Amino acid sequence: MTSTPPGAVFDCVVFVQALANRKGPAYACKQFVDNGQVTLYLSPQTANEVSEVLRRPKLRQKFRTLSPEKVEAFLKDLAEKAVSLSDVPSVFSYARDPKDEPYVNLAAASGARYLVTWDKDLLDLMNETREESRAFRQRFPNLIILDPVAFLQEMRQRDQSADRGTDGLREPPASIG
């Protein structure tokens, strides 16, 4: 019996890093999607942001390997492998960084287990020492926000647990800090 792959939402920077550095943790995270071990969710809003950012001339100057052809192939691959949700209700607002809202809203709408990001504003939502974070955890108890390195560790634990016959999904953290 095979288990259902966990759902994940990656933020824009994770996609940029996955394309720019094949040796980095963001690329390794995308490999879980490529191998069918993770169900990746996109919305028109998040996909548009990724597309727009990857096409920025300034970004291409910084990462010379990001040719127009490579970017287009990457975006096509994402469109083919991700589950796209066209109707994502706005259930979360975040005055601290409104640009993060689409990622949390997508995670909530899709039922994704993970939101993978380097964004400190999002990662702070897992910090139980903050009142705002405790309220977030109560509202979205099944969502774990973690950086790519922690996501890789989580997926490795899940794989090891699957080998032992358990589901490998940990409970969301009680506190990180």
C-alpha atoms as a PDB file:
ATOM      1  CA  MET A   1       0.000   0.000   0.000  1.00  0.00           C
ATOM      2  CA  THR A   2       1.385   3.384  -0.944  1.00  0.00           C
ATOM      3  CA  SER A   3       0.621   6.430   1.107  1.00  0.00           C
ATOM      4  CA  THR A   4      -0.714   9.657  -0.343  1.00  0.00           C
ATOM      5  CA  PRO A   5       2.039  12.203  -0.881  1.00  0.00           C
ATOM      6  CA  PRO A   6       1.804  15.158   1.478  1.00  0.00           C
ATOM      7  CA  GLY A   7       0.784  18.484  -0.010  1.00  0.00           C
ATOM      8  CA  ALA A   8       3.107  21.464  -0.064  1.00  0.00           C
ATOM      9  CA  VAL A   9       3.176  25.082  -1.092  1.00  0.00           C
ATOM     10  CA  PHE A  10       6.582  26.579  -1.939  1.00  0.00           C
ATOM     11  CA  ASP A  11       7.081  30.313  -1.788  1.00  0.00           C
ATOM     12  CA  CYS A  12       8.582  32.226  -4.699  1.00  0.00           C
ATOM     13  CA  VAL A  13      12.148  32.329  -3.338  1.00  0.00           C
ATOM     14  CA  VAL A  14      12.212  28.536  -3.026  1.00  0.00           C
ATOM     15  CA  PHE A  15      11.371  28.254  -6.728  1.00  0.00           C
ATOM     16  CA  VAL A  16      14.028  30.806  -7.674  1.00  0.00           C
ATOM     17  CA  GLN A  17      16.656  28.979  -5.658  1.00  0.00           C
ATOM     18  CA  ALA A  18      15.568  25.602  -7.025  1.00  0.00           C
ATOM     19  CA  LEU A  19      16.176  26.832 -10.548  1.00  0.00           C
ATOM     20  CA  ALA A  20      19.336  28.810  -9.793  1.00  0.00           C
ATOM     21  CA  ASN A  21      21.224  26.216  -7.733  1.00  0.00           C
ATOM     22  CA  ARG A  22      20.951  22.498  -8.444  1.00  0.00           C
ATOM     23  CA  LYS A  23      23.101  21.769  -5.381  1.00  0.00           C
ATOM     24  CA  GLY A  24      20.992  23.666  -2.848  1.00  0.00           C
ATOM     25  CA  PRO A  25      18.219  22.580  -0.514  1.00  0.00           C
ATOM     26  CA  ALA A  26      15.480  24.277  -2.567  1.00  0.00           C
ATOM     27  CA  TYR A  27      16.380  22.138  -5.587  1.00  0.00           C
ATOM     28  CA  ALA A  28      16.312  19.036  -3.385  1.00  0.00           C
ATOM     29  CA  CYS A  29      12.813  20.063  -2.212  1.00  0.00           C
ATOM     30  CA  LYS A  30      11.648  20.323  -5.814  1.00  0.00           C
ATOM     31  CA  GLN A  31      13.050  16.832  -6.452  1.00  0.00           C
ATOM     32  CA  PHE A  32      10.426  15.462  -4.046  1.00  0.00           C
ATOM     33  CA  VAL A  33       7.795  17.010  -6.337  1.00  0.00           C
ATOM     34  CA  ASP A  34       9.514  15.669  -9.455  1.00  0.00           C
ATOM     35  CA  ASN A  35       9.630  12.171  -7.942  1.00  0.00           C
ATOM     36  CA  GLY A  36       5.945  12.228  -6.963  1.00  0.00           C
ATOM     37  CA  GLN A  37       6.700  12.195  -3.236  1.00  0.00           C
ATOM     38  CA  VAL A  38       5.071  15.594  -2.653  1.00  0.00           C
ATOM     39  CA  THR A  39       1.972  17.144  -4.197  1.00  0.00           C
ATOM     40  CA  LEU A  40       2.820  20.746  -5.044  1.00  0.00           C
ATOM     41  CA  TYR A  41       0.031  23.323  -5.123  1.00  0.00           C
ATOM     42  CA  LEU A  42      -0.018  26.534  -7.127  1.00  0.00           C
ATOM     43  CA  SER A  43      -2.622  29.226  -7.625  1.00  0.00           C
ATOM     44  CA  PRO A  44      -2.761  31.736 -10.454  1.00  0.00           C
ATOM     45  CA  GLN A  45      -1.506  34.390  -8.034  1.00  0.00           C
ATOM     46  CA  THR A  46       1.497  32.382  -6.792  1.00  0.00           C
ATOM     47  CA  ALA A  47       2.310  31.078 -10.282  1.00  0.00           C
ATOM     48  CA  ASN A  48       2.208  34.612 -11.678  1.00  0.00           C
ATOM     49  CA  GLU A  49       4.585  35.835  -8.994  1.00  0.00           C
ATOM     50  CA  VAL A  50       7.052  33.031  -9.727  1.00  0.00           C
ATOM     51  CA  SER A  51       6.831  33.719 -13.455  1.00  0.00           C
ATOM     52  CA  GLU A  52       7.276  37.467 -13.040  1.00  0.00           C
ATOM     53  CA  VAL A  53      10.216  37.145 -10.649  1.00  0.00           C
ATOM     54  CA  LEU A  54      12.050  34.558 -12.760  1.00  0.00           C
ATOM     55  CA  ARG A  55      11.750  36.841 -15.811  1.00  0.00           C
ATOM     56  CA  ARG A  56      13.236  39.895 -14.092  1.00  0.00           C
ATOM     57  CA  PRO A  57      16.339  41.142 -15.911  1.00  0.00           C
ATOM     58  CA  LYS A  58      17.996  41.999 -12.590  1.00  0.00           C
ATOM     59  CA  LEU A  59      17.582  38.398 -11.375  1.00  0.00           C
ATOM     60  CA  ARG A  60      18.981  37.052 -14.641  1.00  0.00           C
ATOM     61  CA  GLN A  61      22.005  39.301 -14.252  1.00  0.00           C
ATOM     62  CA  LYS A  62      22.579  37.957 -10.753  1.00  0.00           C
ATOM     63  CA  PHE A  63      22.106  34.321 -11.825  1.00  0.00           C
ATOM     64  CA  ARG A  64      23.602  34.078 -15.307  1.00  0.00           C
ATOM     65  CA  THR A  65      22.427  30.464 -15.649  1.00  0.00           C
ATOM     66  CA  LEU A  66      18.786  31.612 -15.730  1.00  0.00           C
ATOM     67  CA  SER A  67      18.446  31.800 -19.502  1.00  0.00           C
ATOM     68  CA  PRO A  68      15.025  32.583 -20.963  1.00  0.00           C
ATOM     69  CA  GLU A  69      14.844  28.998 -22.248  1.00  0.00           C
ATOM     70  CA  LYS A  70      15.690  27.523 -18.852  1.00  0.00           C
ATOM     71  CA  VAL A  71      13.103  29.720 -17.124  1.00  0.00           C
ATOM     72  CA  GLU A  72      10.399  28.794 -19.642  1.00  0.00           C
ATOM     73  CA  ALA A  73      11.180  25.083 -19.317  1.00  0.00           C
ATOM     74  CA  PHE A  74      11.048  25.371 -15.512  1.00  0.00           C
ATOM     75  CA  LEU A  75       7.694  27.184 -15.592  1.00  0.00           C
ATOM     76  CA  LYS A  76       6.268  24.601 -18.010  1.00  0.00           C
ATOM     77  CA  ASP A  77       7.480  21.809 -15.722  1.00  0.00           C
ATOM     78  CA  LEU A  78       5.806  23.472 -12.719  1.00  0.00           C
ATOM     79  CA  ALA A  79       2.542  23.833 -14.618  1.00  0.00           C
ATOM     80  CA  GLU A  80       2.627  20.144 -15.542  1.00  0.00           C
ATOM     81  CA  LYS A  81       3.550  18.797 -12.101  1.00  0.00           C
ATOM     82  CA  ALA A  82       1.671  21.094  -9.745  1.00  0.00           C
ATOM     83  CA  VAL A  83      -1.978  20.939  -8.844  1.00  0.00           C
ATOM     84  CA  SER A  84      -3.424  24.317  -9.719  1.00  0.00           C
ATOM     85  CA  LEU A  85      -6.257  25.747  -7.648  1.00  0.00           C
ATOM     86  CA  SER A  86      -7.985  28.540  -9.494  1.00  0.00           C
ATOM     87  CA  ASP A  87     -10.335  29.591  -6.709  1.00  0.00           C
ATOM     88  CA  VAL A  88      -8.385  30.382  -3.543  1.00  0.00           C
ATOM     89  CA  PRO A  89     -10.455  32.249  -0.973  1.00  0.00           C
ATOM     90  CA  SER A  90      -8.794  34.902   1.130  1.00  0.00           C
ATOM     91  CA  VAL A  91      -9.029  33.421   4.625  1.00  0.00           C
ATOM     92  CA  PHE A  92      -5.798  34.824   6.059  1.00  0.00           C
ATOM     93  CA  SER A  93      -4.586  38.396   6.297  1.00  0.00           C
ATOM     94  CA  TYR A  94      -1.152  39.334   7.529  1.00  0.00           C
ATOM     95  CA  ALA A  95      -0.503  42.998   8.215  1.00  0.00           C
ATOM     96  CA  ARG A  96       3.160  42.225   8.930  1.00  0.00           C
ATOM     97  CA  ASP A  97       3.689  41.141   5.291  1.00  0.00           C
ATOM     98  CA  PRO A  98       0.599  41.118   3.034  1.00  0.00           C
ATOM     99  CA  LYS A  99       2.655  39.629   0.166  1.00  0.00           C
ATOM    100  CA  ASP A 100       2.780  36.377   2.171  1.00  0.00           C
ATOM    101  CA  GLU A 101      -1.006  36.043   2.327  1.00  0.00           C
ATOM    102  CA  PRO A 102      -1.449  34.219  -1.022  1.00  0.00           C
ATOM    103  CA  TYR A 103       0.834  31.397   0.123  1.00  0.00           C
ATOM    104  CA  VAL A 104      -1.012  30.801   3.392  1.00  0.00           C
ATOM    105  CA  ASN A 105      -4.368  31.122   1.623  1.00  0.00           C
ATOM    106  CA  LEU A 106      -3.255  28.551  -0.957  1.00  0.00           C
ATOM    107  CA  ALA A 107      -2.028  26.190   1.761  1.00  0.00           C
ATOM    108  CA  ALA A 108      -5.373  26.526   3.566  1.00  0.00           C
ATOM    109  CA  ALA A 109      -7.450  26.033   0.402  1.00  0.00           C
ATOM    110  CA  SER A 110      -5.453  23.004  -0.729  1.00  0.00           C
ATOM    111  CA  GLY A 111      -5.130  21.400   2.672  1.00  0.00           C
ATOM    112  CA  ALA A 112      -1.353  21.343   2.201  1.00  0.00           C
ATOM    113  CA  ARG A 113       0.596  19.973   5.123  1.00  0.00           C
ATOM    114  CA  TYR A 114       3.651  22.160   4.469  1.00  0.00           C
ATOM    115  CA  LEU A 115       4.474  25.700   3.441  1.00  0.00           C
ATOM    116  CA  VAL A 116       8.170  25.810   2.517  1.00  0.00           C
ATOM    117  CA  THR A 117       9.863  29.193   2.742  1.00  0.00           C
ATOM    118  CA  TRP A 118      12.925  31.112   3.835  1.00  0.00           C
ATOM    119  CA  ASP A 119      10.685  34.103   4.708  1.00  0.00           C
ATOM    120  CA  LYS A 120      11.120  35.014   8.361  1.00  0.00           C
ATOM    121  CA  ASP A 121       7.668  36.590   8.542  1.00  0.00           C
ATOM    122  CA  LEU A 122       6.105  33.268   7.583  1.00  0.00           C
ATOM    123  CA  LEU A 123       8.470  31.158   9.671  1.00  0.00           C
ATOM    124  CA  ASP A 124       7.640  33.293  12.702  1.00  0.00           C
ATOM    125  CA  LEU A 125       4.059  32.007  12.477  1.00  0.00           C
ATOM    126  CA  MET A 126       5.387  28.761  13.974  1.00  0.00           C
ATOM    127  CA  ASN A 127       6.937  30.557  16.966  1.00  0.00           C
ATOM    128  CA  GLU A 128       4.578  29.739  19.837  1.00  0.00           C
ATOM    129  CA  THR A 129       6.132  32.423  22.038  1.00  0.00           C
ATOM    130  CA  ARG A 130       4.300  35.038  19.952  1.00  0.00           C
ATOM    131  CA  GLU A 131       0.595  35.696  20.533  1.00  0.00           C
ATOM    132  CA  GLU A 132      -0.056  36.119  16.814  1.00  0.00           C
ATOM    133  CA  SER A 133       1.605  32.756  16.156  1.00  0.00           C
ATOM    134  CA  ARG A 134      -0.451  30.946  18.773  1.00  0.00           C
ATOM    135  CA  ALA A 135      -3.615  32.295  17.157  1.00  0.00           C
ATOM    136  CA  PHE A 136      -2.337  31.182  13.753  1.00  0.00           C
ATOM    137  CA  ARG A 137      -1.607  27.668  15.048  1.00  0.00           C
ATOM    138  CA  GLN A 138      -5.124  27.422  16.466  1.00  0.00           C
ATOM    139  CA  ARG A 139      -6.605  28.497  13.164  1.00  0.00           C
ATOM    140  CA  PHE A 140      -4.390  26.302  10.967  1.00  0.00           C
ATOM    141  CA  PRO A 141      -3.396  23.392  13.217  1.00  0.00           C
ATOM    142  CA  ASN A 142      -2.407  21.027  10.397  1.00  0.00           C
ATOM    143  CA  LEU A 143      -0.121  23.435   8.521  1.00  0.00           C
ATOM    144  CA  ILE A 144       3.605  23.342   9.194  1.00  0.00           C
ATOM    145  CA  ILE A 145       5.688  26.264   7.916  1.00  0.00           C
ATOM    146  CA  LEU A 146       9.345  25.398   7.617  1.00  0.00           C
ATOM    147  CA  ASP A 147      12.466  26.284   5.685  1.00  0.00           C
ATOM    148  CA  PRO A 148      13.780  24.032   2.888  1.00  0.00           C
ATOM    149  CA  VAL A 149      16.395  22.364   5.114  1.00  0.00           C
ATOM    150  CA  ALA A 150      13.783  21.448   7.736  1.00  0.00           C
ATOM    151  CA  PHE A 151      11.427  20.274   4.979  1.00  0.00           C
ATOM    152  CA  LEU A 152      14.119  17.928   3.660  1.00  0.00           C
ATOM    153  CA  GLN A 153      14.598  16.535   7.164  1.00  0.00           C
ATOM    154  CA  GLU A 154      10.839  16.105   7.511  1.00  0.00           C
ATOM    155  CA  MET A 155      10.619  14.246   4.208  1.00  0.00           C
ATOM    156  CA  ARG A 156      13.540  11.988   5.093  1.00  0.00           C
ATOM    157  CA  GLN A 157      11.860  11.127   8.408  1.00  0.00           C
ATOM    158  CA  ARG A 158       8.652  10.399   6.514  1.00  0.00           C
ATOM    159  CA  ASP A 159      10.515   8.078   4.144  1.00  0.00           C
ATOM    160  CA  GLN A 160      12.178   6.272   7.037  1.00  0.00           C
ATOM    161  CA  SER A 161       8.842   5.912   8.814  1.00  0.00           C
ATOM    162  CA  ALA A 162       7.247   4.551   5.639  1.00  0.00           C
ATOM    163  CA  ASP A 163       9.984   1.921   5.542  1.00  0.00           C
ATOM    164  CA  ARG A 164       8.973   0.998   9.117  1.00  0.00           C
ATOM    165  CA  GLY A 165       5.241   1.047   8.333  1.00  0.00           C
ATOM    166  CA  THR A 166       4.242   4.300  10.074  1.00  0.00           C
ATOM    167  CA  ASP A 167       2.979   7.444   8.367  1.00  0.00           C
ATOM    168  CA  GLY A 168       5.956   9.604   9.416  1.00  0.00           C
ATOM    169  CA  LEU A 169       3.945  12.802   9.739  1.00  0.00           C
ATOM    170  CA  ARG A 170       4.857  14.681  12.829  1.00  0.00           C
ATOM    171  CA  GLU A 171       2.572  16.883  14.787  1.00  0.00           C
ATOM    172  CA  PRO A 172       2.999  20.591  14.195  1.00  0.00           C
ATOM    173  CA  PRO A 173       5.538  21.996  16.624  1.00  0.00           C
ATOM    174  CA  ALA A 174       4.350  23.148  20.025  1.00  0.00           C
ATOM    175  CA  SER A 175       7.034  25.793  19.990  1.00  0.00           C
ATOM    176  CA  ILE A 176       9.935  26.832  17.884  1.00  0.00           C
ATOM    177  CA  GLY A 177      12.111  29.535  19.056  1.00  0.00           C
END
